[in-house]
Amino acid sequence: MTSAKSPADEAEAKAIQDELRDRVVLAETGPPPGEGLIAGVDVAYDDERDLVAAAAVVLDAATLKVVEEATSVGRVSFPYVPGLLAFRELPTVLAALESLTVTPALVVCDGYGLAHPRRFGLACHLGVVTGLPAIGVAKNPFTFTYEEPGARRGDLSPLRAPDGEVVGRALRTQDGIKPVYVSVGHRVSLDNACAHALALSPRFRIPETTRHADSLCRRALREATA
């Protein structure tokens, strides 16, 4: 596992992104949906105390039952800079993942992978650092554009950068509900990433991995600041 470098400033953070971006693997299909163990990660912030809480929750992909969960609370060590959010979140997320006793076949991030201004969002960064297949499933399209997909579950459309490059897909996970925005992180194809996002979202818009991790990191933050 590559160590997560902590940059001293914005310029160094961008240099680290440039270095690690070349290690992103896009040629692998990734693990099959509906099988094995899948982790979801998410973070919650307490800006007044400069704290960040991360959660890693592992589900059995076949049943969507929780197998294991872990949390970590740490200091925010990097300022808020759009496009560099991974440096605020990654150390604590890694600490939560490393506390797990099982190794997931896939990590689902509440955020972006290639759908990122520098094509290196959290899902890419986390995947490269851990070596694990990773995808991003985001709640909003960030700065990217898309044609509205069809209204039925499973309908999708390309997510495009301002230059027209396809960086992900808008995916309808529930009939008539706003889509989610799926992008590849590391060692997973876009087709497979979308299949995983659908398989993990049988009842709600957001994948079960993210729903569990979101709840857990919020609880960990409450307990840390009580």
Protein backbone atom coordinates (compact mmCIF):
# COMPACT_ATOMS: atom_id res chain seq x y z
CA MET A 1 0.00 0.00 0.00
CA THR A 2 1.36 3.39 -1.01
CA SER A 3 1.45 5.93 1.80
CA ALA A 4 -0.88 8.92 1.48
CA LYS A 5 1.37 11.92 1.16
CA SER A 6 0.35 15.04 3.07
CA PRO A 7 1.08 18.13 0.98
CA ALA A 8 2.38 21.32 2.53
CA ASP A 9 0.44 23.57 0.15
CA GLU A 10 -1.80 23.67 -2.92
CA ALA A 11 1.08 23.43 -5.40
CA GLU A 12 2.45 20.31 -3.75
CA ALA A 13 -1.03 18.77 -3.64
CA LYS A 14 -1.42 19.26 -7.38
CA ALA A 15 2.02 17.78 -7.97
CA ILE A 16 1.03 14.69 -5.96
CA GLN A 17 -2.15 14.37 -8.01
CA ASP A 18 -0.14 14.61 -11.22
CA GLU A 19 2.25 11.92 -10.02
CA LEU A 20 -0.41 9.48 -8.82
CA ARG A 21 -2.80 10.04 -11.73
CA ASP A 22 -0.45 8.08 -14.00
CA ARG A 23 -0.97 5.03 -11.78
CA VAL A 24 -4.75 4.87 -12.27
CA VAL A 25 -5.66 1.56 -13.95
CA LEU A 26 -8.54 1.84 -16.42
CA ALA A 27 -8.04 -1.43 -18.31
CA GLU A 28 -9.58 -3.78 -15.71
CA THR A 29 -13.27 -4.68 -15.59
CA GLY A 30 -13.36 -5.06 -11.82
CA PRO A 31 -15.21 -7.46 -9.53
CA PRO A 32 -18.66 -8.74 -10.59
CA PRO A 33 -21.69 -6.94 -9.13
CA GLY A 34 -23.73 -8.74 -6.51
CA GLU A 35 -20.86 -10.85 -5.20
CA GLY A 36 -18.24 -10.60 -2.47
CA LEU A 37 -17.62 -7.79 -0.01
CA ILE A 38 -18.05 -4.13 -0.91
CA ALA A 39 -17.04 -1.20 1.27
CA GLY A 40 -18.57 2.24 1.36
CA VAL A 41 -16.68 5.22 2.75
CA ASP A 42 -17.91 8.66 3.75
CA VAL A 43 -16.85 11.57 5.95
CA ALA A 44 -18.46 14.18 8.17
CA TYR A 45 -16.89 17.46 9.29
CA ASP A 46 -16.98 19.64 12.38
CA ASP A 47 -15.60 22.88 10.93
CA GLU A 48 -15.54 24.69 14.27
CA ARG A 49 -13.21 22.10 15.78
CA ASP A 50 -11.37 21.25 12.53
CA LEU A 51 -12.38 17.60 12.93
CA VAL A 52 -13.24 15.03 10.29
CA ALA A 53 -14.84 11.66 11.00
CA ALA A 54 -14.61 8.86 8.46
CA ALA A 55 -16.54 5.61 8.26
CA ALA A 56 -15.88 2.44 6.31
CA VAL A 57 -18.78 0.00 6.16
CA VAL A 58 -18.46 -3.40 4.48
CA LEU A 59 -21.56 -5.07 3.04
CA ASP A 60 -22.15 -8.54 1.67
CA ALA A 61 -22.99 -7.65 -1.93
CA ALA A 62 -25.44 -10.54 -2.26
CA THR A 63 -27.58 -9.62 0.76
CA LEU A 64 -26.54 -5.99 1.41
CA LYS A 65 -26.15 -6.91 5.07
CA VAL A 66 -23.43 -5.17 7.10
CA VAL A 67 -20.41 -7.43 7.65
CA GLU A 68 -18.08 -5.01 9.40
CA GLU A 69 -17.73 -1.32 10.10
CA ALA A 70 -14.96 0.97 11.32
CA THR A 71 -14.54 4.67 12.05
CA SER A 72 -11.71 7.13 12.53
CA VAL A 73 -11.69 10.73 13.75
CA GLY A 74 -8.84 13.11 12.99
CA ARG A 75 -7.85 16.71 12.50
CA VAL A 76 -8.45 18.34 9.14
CA SER A 77 -4.91 18.76 7.86
CA PHE A 78 -5.50 20.58 4.58
CA PRO A 79 -7.57 23.68 3.75
CA TYR A 80 -10.69 23.59 1.60
CA VAL A 81 -9.61 23.93 -2.04
CA PRO A 82 -11.98 22.82 -4.83
CA GLY A 83 -10.46 19.89 -6.68
CA LEU A 84 -8.21 18.98 -3.75
CA LEU A 85 -10.79 17.69 -1.27
CA ALA A 86 -9.20 14.24 -1.17
CA PHE A 87 -6.32 15.65 0.84
CA ARG A 88 -8.76 16.72 3.57
CA GLU A 89 -10.45 13.33 3.71
CA LEU A 90 -7.95 10.68 2.69
CA PRO A 91 -5.87 10.26 5.89
CA THR A 92 -8.94 9.63 8.04
CA VAL A 93 -10.64 7.45 5.41
CA LEU A 94 -7.50 5.33 5.13
CA ALA A 95 -7.35 4.97 8.91
CA ALA A 96 -10.94 3.67 8.93
CA LEU A 97 -10.26 1.24 6.06
CA GLU A 98 -7.10 -0.04 7.70
CA SER A 99 -9.08 -0.81 10.88
CA LEU A 100 -11.16 -3.38 9.00
CA THR A 101 -10.30 -7.04 9.42
CA VAL A 102 -11.66 -7.96 5.97
CA THR A 103 -10.46 -6.77 2.56
CA PRO A 104 -13.27 -5.51 0.31
CA ALA A 105 -13.34 -6.34 -3.39
CA LEU A 106 -14.50 -2.80 -4.17
CA VAL A 107 -14.66 0.57 -2.43
CA VAL A 108 -17.54 2.94 -3.21
CA CYS A 109 -16.85 6.61 -2.51
CA ASP A 110 -19.48 9.27 -1.94
CA GLY A 111 -17.90 11.51 -4.56
CA TYR A 112 -15.94 11.40 -7.78
CA GLY A 113 -13.27 9.48 -9.64
CA LEU A 114 -12.36 10.57 -13.16
CA ALA A 115 -15.23 13.07 -12.99
CA HIS A 116 -12.89 15.65 -11.53
CA PRO A 117 -11.27 18.81 -12.95
CA ARG A 118 -7.85 17.12 -12.84
CA ARG A 119 -9.25 13.62 -13.57
CA PHE A 120 -8.19 12.45 -10.12
CA GLY A 121 -11.01 12.57 -7.60
CA LEU A 122 -11.17 10.77 -4.27
CA ALA A 123 -12.11 7.40 -5.81
CA CYS A 124 -9.01 7.51 -8.04
CA HIS A 125 -6.76 8.67 -5.20
CA LEU A 126 -8.08 6.08 -2.75
CA GLY A 127 -7.84 3.31 -5.34
CA VAL A 128 -4.25 4.09 -6.26
CA VAL A 129 -3.12 4.41 -2.63
CA THR A 130 -4.81 1.21 -1.45
CA GLY A 131 -4.57 -0.79 -4.67
CA LEU A 132 -8.27 -1.65 -4.34
CA PRO A 133 -10.84 -1.30 -7.12
CA ALA A 134 -12.80 1.91 -6.45
CA ILE A 135 -15.67 3.91 -7.93
CA GLY A 136 -17.30 7.24 -7.21
CA VAL A 137 -21.07 7.64 -6.90
CA ALA A 138 -21.89 11.30 -6.37
CA LYS A 139 -25.12 13.07 -5.46
CA ASN A 140 -24.60 16.04 -7.82
CA PRO A 141 -22.87 16.52 -11.19
CA PHE A 142 -20.28 19.02 -9.92
CA THR A 143 -19.13 21.07 -12.94
CA PHE A 144 -20.11 18.45 -15.50
CA THR A 145 -23.09 18.32 -17.89
CA TYR A 146 -25.40 15.57 -19.08
CA GLU A 147 -28.59 14.96 -21.00
CA GLU A 148 -31.39 13.84 -18.68
CA PRO A 149 -31.49 10.02 -18.80
CA GLY A 150 -34.76 8.15 -19.27
CA ALA A 151 -37.15 8.01 -16.33
CA ARG A 152 -36.74 4.31 -15.56
CA ARG A 153 -34.32 2.61 -13.17
CA GLY A 154 -31.15 1.72 -15.09
CA ASP A 155 -31.48 4.49 -17.68
CA LEU A 156 -28.28 6.48 -18.11
CA SER A 157 -26.54 9.16 -20.14
CA PRO A 158 -22.93 10.36 -20.55
CA LEU A 159 -21.49 12.80 -18.02
CA ARG A 160 -19.29 15.23 -19.93
CA ALA A 161 -16.52 17.63 -19.02
CA PRO A 162 -16.56 21.15 -20.51
CA ASP A 163 -14.26 19.92 -23.31
CA GLY A 164 -16.75 17.18 -24.20
CA GLU A 165 -14.79 14.28 -22.71
CA VAL A 166 -17.00 11.60 -21.17
CA VAL A 167 -15.94 11.30 -17.51
CA GLY A 168 -18.81 9.21 -16.16
CA ARG A 169 -22.55 8.65 -16.41
CA ALA A 170 -25.74 10.02 -14.97
CA LEU A 171 -27.55 6.90 -13.74
CA ARG A 172 -31.18 6.56 -12.72
CA THR A 173 -31.24 4.20 -9.74
CA GLN A 174 -34.98 4.58 -9.03
CA ASP A 175 -37.89 5.30 -11.37
CA GLY A 176 -38.59 9.02 -11.68
CA ILE A 177 -35.95 10.02 -9.11
CA LYS A 178 -32.99 12.33 -9.74
CA PRO A 179 -29.98 10.36 -11.05
CA VAL A 180 -26.67 9.74 -9.34
CA TYR A 181 -23.36 10.46 -11.06
CA VAL A 182 -21.04 7.49 -11.46
CA SER A 183 -17.37 7.68 -12.39
CA VAL A 184 -14.51 5.22 -12.47
CA GLY A 185 -11.88 5.42 -9.76
CA HIS A 186 -9.39 2.57 -10.21
CA ARG A 187 -9.40 -0.96 -11.64
CA VAL A 188 -13.10 -0.89 -12.64
CA SER A 189 -14.79 -0.24 -16.00
CA LEU A 190 -17.53 2.36 -16.32
CA ASP A 191 -20.07 -0.28 -17.34
CA ASN A 192 -19.23 -2.31 -14.26
CA ALA A 193 -19.23 0.77 -12.01
CA CYS A 194 -22.79 1.54 -13.11
CA ALA A 195 -23.83 -2.09 -12.61
CA HIS A 196 -22.47 -1.96 -9.06
CA ALA A 197 -24.26 1.33 -8.36
CA LEU A 198 -27.55 -0.21 -9.48
CA ALA A 199 -27.04 -3.43 -7.54
CA LEU A 200 -26.27 -1.44 -4.38
CA SER A 201 -29.39 0.76 -4.76
CA PRO A 202 -32.39 -1.61 -4.74
CA ARG A 203 -34.72 0.70 -2.81
CA PHE A 204 -33.22 4.17 -2.58
CA ARG A 205 -31.43 6.62 -4.85
CA ILE A 206 -28.13 6.36 -2.97
CA PRO A 207 -26.17 3.07 -2.70
CA GLU A 208 -26.59 1.16 0.55
CA THR A 209 -22.83 1.38 1.08
CA THR A 210 -23.02 5.18 1.15
CA ARG A 211 -26.20 5.25 3.24
CA HIS A 212 -24.59 3.14 5.96
CA ALA A 213 -21.27 4.99 5.86
CA ASP A 214 -22.99 8.38 5.98
CA SER A 215 -24.97 7.42 9.07
CA LEU A 216 -21.96 5.92 10.80
CA CYS A 217 -19.54 8.81 10.21
CA ARG A 218 -22.12 11.30 11.48
CA ARG A 219 -22.58 9.22 14.62
CA ALA A 220 -18.81 8.98 15.12
CA LEU A 221 -18.50 12.75 14.82
CA ARG A 222 -21.30 13.33 17.33
CA GLU A 223 -19.63 10.98 19.81
CA ALA A 224 -16.23 12.61 19.30
CA THR A 225 -17.60 16.09 19.99
CA ALA A 226 -20.04 15.21 22.78
